[in-house]
Amino acid sequence: MPNLKSAERRMRKAEKRRRRNRHYKSTMKTFIKKVKNATTREEAEAALKKVYSILDKLVVKGIIHKNRAASYKSKLAQFVNSLPSSSTSQS
């Protein structure tokens, strides 16, 4: 237990930030999984757009580093481009 009042406040603030950051990161991972589990390119592109938005928001808030976000974007874009489009799979 902290001895000082300010240390107590810092502890509460740190816990609040930890919970908020965990929520954001969990959301990010969930949407990344949606992209990876997509069966068609159209599905994946729709999910990818949402992931890009989430990653950009997390960078602005300081939750993840901009290079990490860029890495995620690059890898996911490569994955989506490797998927067959629905027009070629139906013919």
N, C-alpha and C. Protein backbone atom coordinates (compact mmCIF):
# COMPACT_ATOMS: atom_id res chain seq x y z
N MET A 1 0.84 -1.19 0.00
CA MET A 1 0.00 0.00 0.00
C MET A 1 0.88 1.25 0.00
N PRO A 2 0.47 2.25 -0.76
CA PRO A 2 1.25 3.49 -0.81
C PRO A 2 1.12 4.27 0.50
N ASN A 3 2.20 4.96 0.83
CA ASN A 3 2.20 5.76 2.06
C ASN A 3 1.69 7.17 1.81
N LEU A 4 1.88 7.67 0.62
CA LEU A 4 1.50 9.05 0.31
C LEU A 4 0.18 9.09 -0.45
N LYS A 5 -0.53 10.19 -0.26
CA LYS A 5 -1.80 10.36 -0.97
C LYS A 5 -1.58 10.44 -2.47
N SER A 6 -0.51 11.11 -2.87
CA SER A 6 -0.24 11.26 -4.30
C SER A 6 0.09 9.90 -4.92
N ALA A 7 0.76 9.04 -4.16
CA ALA A 7 1.09 7.70 -4.66
C ALA A 7 -0.20 6.88 -4.83
N GLU A 8 -1.13 7.09 -3.91
CA GLU A 8 -2.42 6.41 -4.00
C GLU A 8 -3.17 6.83 -5.27
N ARG A 9 -3.15 8.13 -5.54
CA ARG A 9 -3.80 8.65 -6.75
C ARG A 9 -3.13 8.11 -8.01
N ARG A 10 -1.80 8.09 -7.99
CA ARG A 10 -1.07 7.56 -9.15
C ARG A 10 -1.44 6.10 -9.39
N MET A 11 -1.59 5.36 -8.31
CA MET A 11 -1.94 3.95 -8.42
C MET A 11 -3.33 3.79 -9.06
N ARG A 12 -4.28 4.62 -8.62
CA ARG A 12 -5.62 4.57 -9.20
C ARG A 12 -5.60 4.95 -10.68
N LYS A 13 -4.84 5.98 -11.01
CA LYS A 13 -4.75 6.43 -12.40
C LYS A 13 -4.11 5.36 -13.28
N ALA A 14 -3.07 4.72 -12.75
CA ALA A 14 -2.37 3.68 -13.52
C ALA A 14 -3.31 2.51 -13.80
N GLU A 15 -4.11 2.14 -12.81
CA GLU A 15 -5.05 1.03 -12.98
C GLU A 15 -6.11 1.39 -14.02
N LYS A 16 -6.60 2.61 -13.96
CA LYS A 16 -7.61 3.07 -14.91
C LYS A 16 -7.05 3.05 -16.33
N ARG A 17 -5.82 3.53 -16.50
CA ARG A 17 -5.17 3.54 -17.82
C ARG A 17 -4.93 2.12 -18.32
N ARG A 18 -4.51 1.24 -17.41
CA ARG A 18 -4.25 -0.15 -17.80
C ARG A 18 -5.52 -0.79 -18.34
N ARG A 19 -6.63 -0.59 -17.64
CA ARG A 19 -7.90 -1.17 -18.09
C ARG A 19 -8.32 -0.60 -19.44
N ARG A 20 -8.16 0.71 -19.61
CA ARG A 20 -8.54 1.35 -20.87
C ARG A 20 -7.67 0.81 -22.01
N ASN A 21 -6.37 0.72 -21.77
CA ASN A 21 -5.45 0.24 -22.81
C ASN A 21 -5.75 -1.21 -23.17
N ARG A 22 -6.06 -2.02 -22.17
CA ARG A 22 -6.39 -3.43 -22.44
C ARG A 22 -7.64 -3.53 -23.30
N HIS A 23 -8.61 -2.69 -23.02
CA HIS A 23 -9.85 -2.70 -23.82
C HIS A 23 -9.54 -2.34 -25.28
N TYR A 24 -8.76 -1.29 -25.48
CA TYR A 24 -8.41 -0.87 -26.84
C TYR A 24 -7.65 -1.96 -27.57
N LYS A 25 -6.67 -2.56 -26.90
CA LYS A 25 -5.86 -3.60 -27.54
C LYS A 25 -6.69 -4.84 -27.85
N SER A 26 -7.61 -5.17 -26.96
CA SER A 26 -8.49 -6.31 -27.19
C SER A 26 -9.37 -6.07 -28.41
N THR A 27 -9.91 -4.86 -28.51
CA THR A 27 -10.73 -4.50 -29.67
C THR A 27 -9.93 -4.60 -30.95
N MET A 28 -8.69 -4.10 -30.91
CA MET A 28 -7.82 -4.15 -32.07
C MET A 28 -7.60 -5.59 -32.51
N LYS A 29 -7.29 -6.47 -31.57
CA LYS A 29 -7.02 -7.87 -31.89
C LYS A 29 -8.26 -8.55 -32.46
N THR A 30 -9.44 -8.21 -31.93
CA THR A 30 -10.68 -8.79 -32.41
C THR A 30 -10.90 -8.45 -33.88
N PHE A 31 -10.69 -7.18 -34.23
CA PHE A 31 -10.92 -6.78 -35.62
C PHE A 31 -9.86 -7.33 -36.55
N ILE A 32 -8.64 -7.50 -36.06
CA ILE A 32 -7.59 -8.11 -36.88
C ILE A 32 -7.97 -9.56 -37.18
N LYS A 33 -8.54 -10.25 -36.19
CA LYS A 33 -8.99 -11.63 -36.40
C LYS A 33 -10.11 -11.69 -37.43
N LYS A 34 -10.99 -10.67 -37.43
CA LYS A 34 -12.07 -10.64 -38.41
C LYS A 34 -11.52 -10.56 -39.83
N VAL A 35 -10.43 -9.79 -40.00
CA VAL A 35 -9.80 -9.70 -41.32
C VAL A 35 -9.21 -11.06 -41.69
N LYS A 36 -8.51 -11.68 -40.76
CA LYS A 36 -7.84 -12.95 -41.04
C LYS A 36 -8.83 -14.09 -41.27
N ASN A 37 -10.01 -14.01 -40.67
CA ASN A 37 -11.01 -15.07 -40.83
C ASN A 37 -11.94 -14.84 -42.01
N ALA A 38 -11.78 -13.74 -42.71
CA ALA A 38 -12.65 -13.44 -43.85
C ALA A 38 -12.40 -14.46 -44.96
N THR A 39 -13.48 -14.85 -45.62
CA THR A 39 -13.36 -15.86 -46.67
C THR A 39 -13.21 -15.24 -48.05
N THR A 40 -13.82 -14.08 -48.26
CA THR A 40 -13.71 -13.43 -49.57
C THR A 40 -12.93 -12.13 -49.43
N ARG A 41 -12.43 -11.67 -50.54
CA ARG A 41 -11.66 -10.43 -50.55
C ARG A 41 -12.55 -9.24 -50.15
N GLU A 42 -13.80 -9.25 -50.60
CA GLU A 42 -14.71 -8.14 -50.29
C GLU A 42 -14.96 -8.04 -48.78
N GLU A 43 -15.18 -9.19 -48.15
CA GLU A 43 -15.36 -9.23 -46.69
C GLU A 43 -14.13 -8.67 -45.99
N ALA A 44 -12.98 -9.14 -46.42
CA ALA A 44 -11.73 -8.75 -45.79
C ALA A 44 -11.46 -7.26 -45.99
N GLU A 45 -11.77 -6.73 -47.17
CA GLU A 45 -11.53 -5.31 -47.42
C GLU A 45 -12.41 -4.44 -46.54
N ALA A 46 -13.65 -4.86 -46.32
CA ALA A 46 -14.54 -4.11 -45.44
C ALA A 46 -14.00 -4.11 -44.01
N ALA A 47 -13.54 -5.26 -43.56
CA ALA A 47 -12.99 -5.36 -42.20
C ALA A 47 -11.66 -4.61 -42.11
N LEU A 48 -10.89 -4.64 -43.19
CA LEU A 48 -9.58 -3.96 -43.21
C LEU A 48 -9.74 -2.46 -43.04
N LYS A 49 -10.77 -1.91 -43.65
CA LYS A 49 -11.03 -0.47 -43.54
C LYS A 49 -11.25 -0.10 -42.07
N LYS A 50 -12.01 -0.93 -41.37
CA LYS A 50 -12.29 -0.69 -39.95
C LYS A 50 -11.01 -0.83 -39.12
N VAL A 51 -10.18 -1.81 -39.44
CA VAL A 51 -8.92 -2.02 -38.71
C VAL A 51 -8.00 -0.83 -38.90
N TYR A 52 -7.91 -0.31 -40.13
CA TYR A 52 -7.09 0.88 -40.38
C TYR A 52 -7.53 2.03 -39.48
N SER A 53 -8.82 2.23 -39.38
CA SER A 53 -9.37 3.31 -38.56
C SER A 53 -9.00 3.11 -37.09
N ILE A 54 -9.16 1.90 -36.60
CA ILE A 54 -8.85 1.60 -35.20
C ILE A 54 -7.36 1.80 -34.92
N LEU A 55 -6.51 1.29 -35.81
CA LEU A 55 -5.07 1.43 -35.61
C LEU A 55 -4.65 2.89 -35.58
N ASP A 56 -5.20 3.69 -36.49
CA ASP A 56 -4.86 5.11 -36.52
C ASP A 56 -5.28 5.81 -35.23
N LYS A 57 -6.44 5.45 -34.71
CA LYS A 57 -6.91 6.05 -33.46
C LYS A 57 -5.99 5.67 -32.29
N LEU A 58 -5.55 4.41 -32.27
CA LEU A 58 -4.68 3.97 -31.18
C LEU A 58 -3.32 4.65 -31.23
N VAL A 59 -2.84 4.94 -32.44
CA VAL A 59 -1.57 5.66 -32.57
C VAL A 59 -1.71 7.07 -32.02
N VAL A 60 -2.81 7.74 -32.37
CA VAL A 60 -3.04 9.11 -31.91
C VAL A 60 -3.14 9.15 -30.39
N LYS A 61 -3.79 8.13 -29.80
CA LYS A 61 -3.95 8.09 -28.35
C LYS A 61 -2.70 7.62 -27.63
N GLY A 62 -1.72 7.12 -28.38
CA GLY A 62 -0.48 6.68 -27.76
C GLY A 62 -0.54 5.27 -27.20
N ILE A 63 -1.51 4.49 -27.62
CA ILE A 63 -1.65 3.13 -27.12
C ILE A 63 -0.63 2.21 -27.79
N ILE A 64 -0.46 2.38 -29.11
CA ILE A 64 0.56 1.61 -29.83
C ILE A 64 1.45 2.56 -30.61
N HIS A 65 2.63 2.11 -30.95
CA HIS A 65 3.60 2.92 -31.69
C HIS A 65 3.21 2.97 -33.16
N LYS A 66 3.53 4.07 -33.81
CA LYS A 66 3.13 4.24 -35.21
C LYS A 66 3.76 3.19 -36.12
N ASN A 67 4.98 2.75 -35.80
CA ASN A 67 5.62 1.72 -36.62
C ASN A 67 4.92 0.37 -36.48
N ARG A 68 4.44 0.09 -35.28
CA ARG A 68 3.70 -1.16 -35.08
C ARG A 68 2.40 -1.14 -35.87
N ALA A 69 1.74 0.01 -35.87
CA ALA A 69 0.50 0.14 -36.64
C ALA A 69 0.78 -0.02 -38.12
N ALA A 70 1.87 0.57 -38.59
CA ALA A 70 2.24 0.46 -40.00
C ALA A 70 2.53 -0.99 -40.37
N SER A 71 3.17 -1.70 -39.46
CA SER A 71 3.48 -3.10 -39.69
C SER A 71 2.20 -3.93 -39.80
N TYR A 72 1.26 -3.71 -38.89
CA TYR A 72 -0.03 -4.40 -38.95
C TYR A 72 -0.73 -4.11 -40.27
N LYS A 73 -0.77 -2.84 -40.65
CA LYS A 73 -1.45 -2.45 -41.89
C LYS A 73 -0.83 -3.14 -43.09
N SER A 74 0.49 -3.16 -43.14
CA SER A 74 1.19 -3.76 -44.26
C SER A 74 0.90 -5.25 -44.36
N LYS A 75 1.03 -5.95 -43.24
CA LYS A 75 0.81 -7.41 -43.24
C LYS A 75 -0.64 -7.76 -43.60
N LEU A 76 -1.58 -6.99 -43.06
CA LEU A 76 -2.98 -7.27 -43.35
C LEU A 76 -3.33 -6.97 -44.80
N ALA A 77 -2.75 -5.90 -45.35
CA ALA A 77 -3.00 -5.57 -46.75
C ALA A 77 -2.45 -6.66 -47.66
N GLN A 78 -1.27 -7.19 -47.33
CA GLN A 78 -0.71 -8.29 -48.11
C GLN A 78 -1.63 -9.51 -48.05
N PHE A 79 -2.14 -9.78 -46.87
CA PHE A 79 -3.04 -10.92 -46.69
C PHE A 79 -4.31 -10.75 -47.53
N VAL A 80 -4.90 -9.56 -47.47
CA VAL A 80 -6.13 -9.30 -48.21
C VAL A 80 -5.89 -9.41 -49.71
N ASN A 81 -4.75 -8.92 -50.17
CA ASN A 81 -4.44 -9.00 -51.60
C ASN A 81 -4.20 -10.43 -52.06
N SER A 82 -3.83 -11.31 -51.14
CA SER A 82 -3.61 -12.71 -51.52
C SER A 82 -4.91 -13.50 -51.62
N LEU A 83 -6.00 -12.94 -51.07
CA LEU A 83 -7.30 -13.63 -51.12
C LEU A 83 -7.89 -13.57 -52.52
N PRO A 84 -8.59 -14.62 -52.92
CA PRO A 84 -9.27 -14.57 -54.23
C PRO A 84 -10.52 -13.69 -54.14
N SER A 85 -10.79 -12.93 -55.17
CA SER A 85 -12.01 -12.12 -55.17
C SER A 85 -13.19 -13.03 -55.50
N SER A 86 -14.38 -12.62 -55.10
CA SER A 86 -15.55 -13.49 -55.27
C SER A 86 -15.91 -13.67 -56.75
N SER A 87 -15.58 -12.71 -57.61
CA SER A 87 -15.92 -12.83 -59.03
C SER A 87 -15.12 -13.95 -59.70
N THR A 88 -13.86 -14.16 -59.27
CA THR A 88 -13.06 -15.23 -59.87
C THR A 88 -13.43 -16.59 -59.31
N SER A 89 -13.88 -16.64 -58.06
CA SER A 89 -14.21 -17.93 -57.47
C SER A 89 -15.54 -18.47 -57.98
N GLN A 90 -16.44 -17.60 -58.48
CA GLN A 90 -17.73 -18.06 -58.97
C GLN A 90 -17.67 -18.53 -60.41
N SER A 91 -16.69 -18.12 -61.18
CA SER A 91 -16.64 -18.50 -62.60
C SER A 91 -16.03 -19.85 -62.85
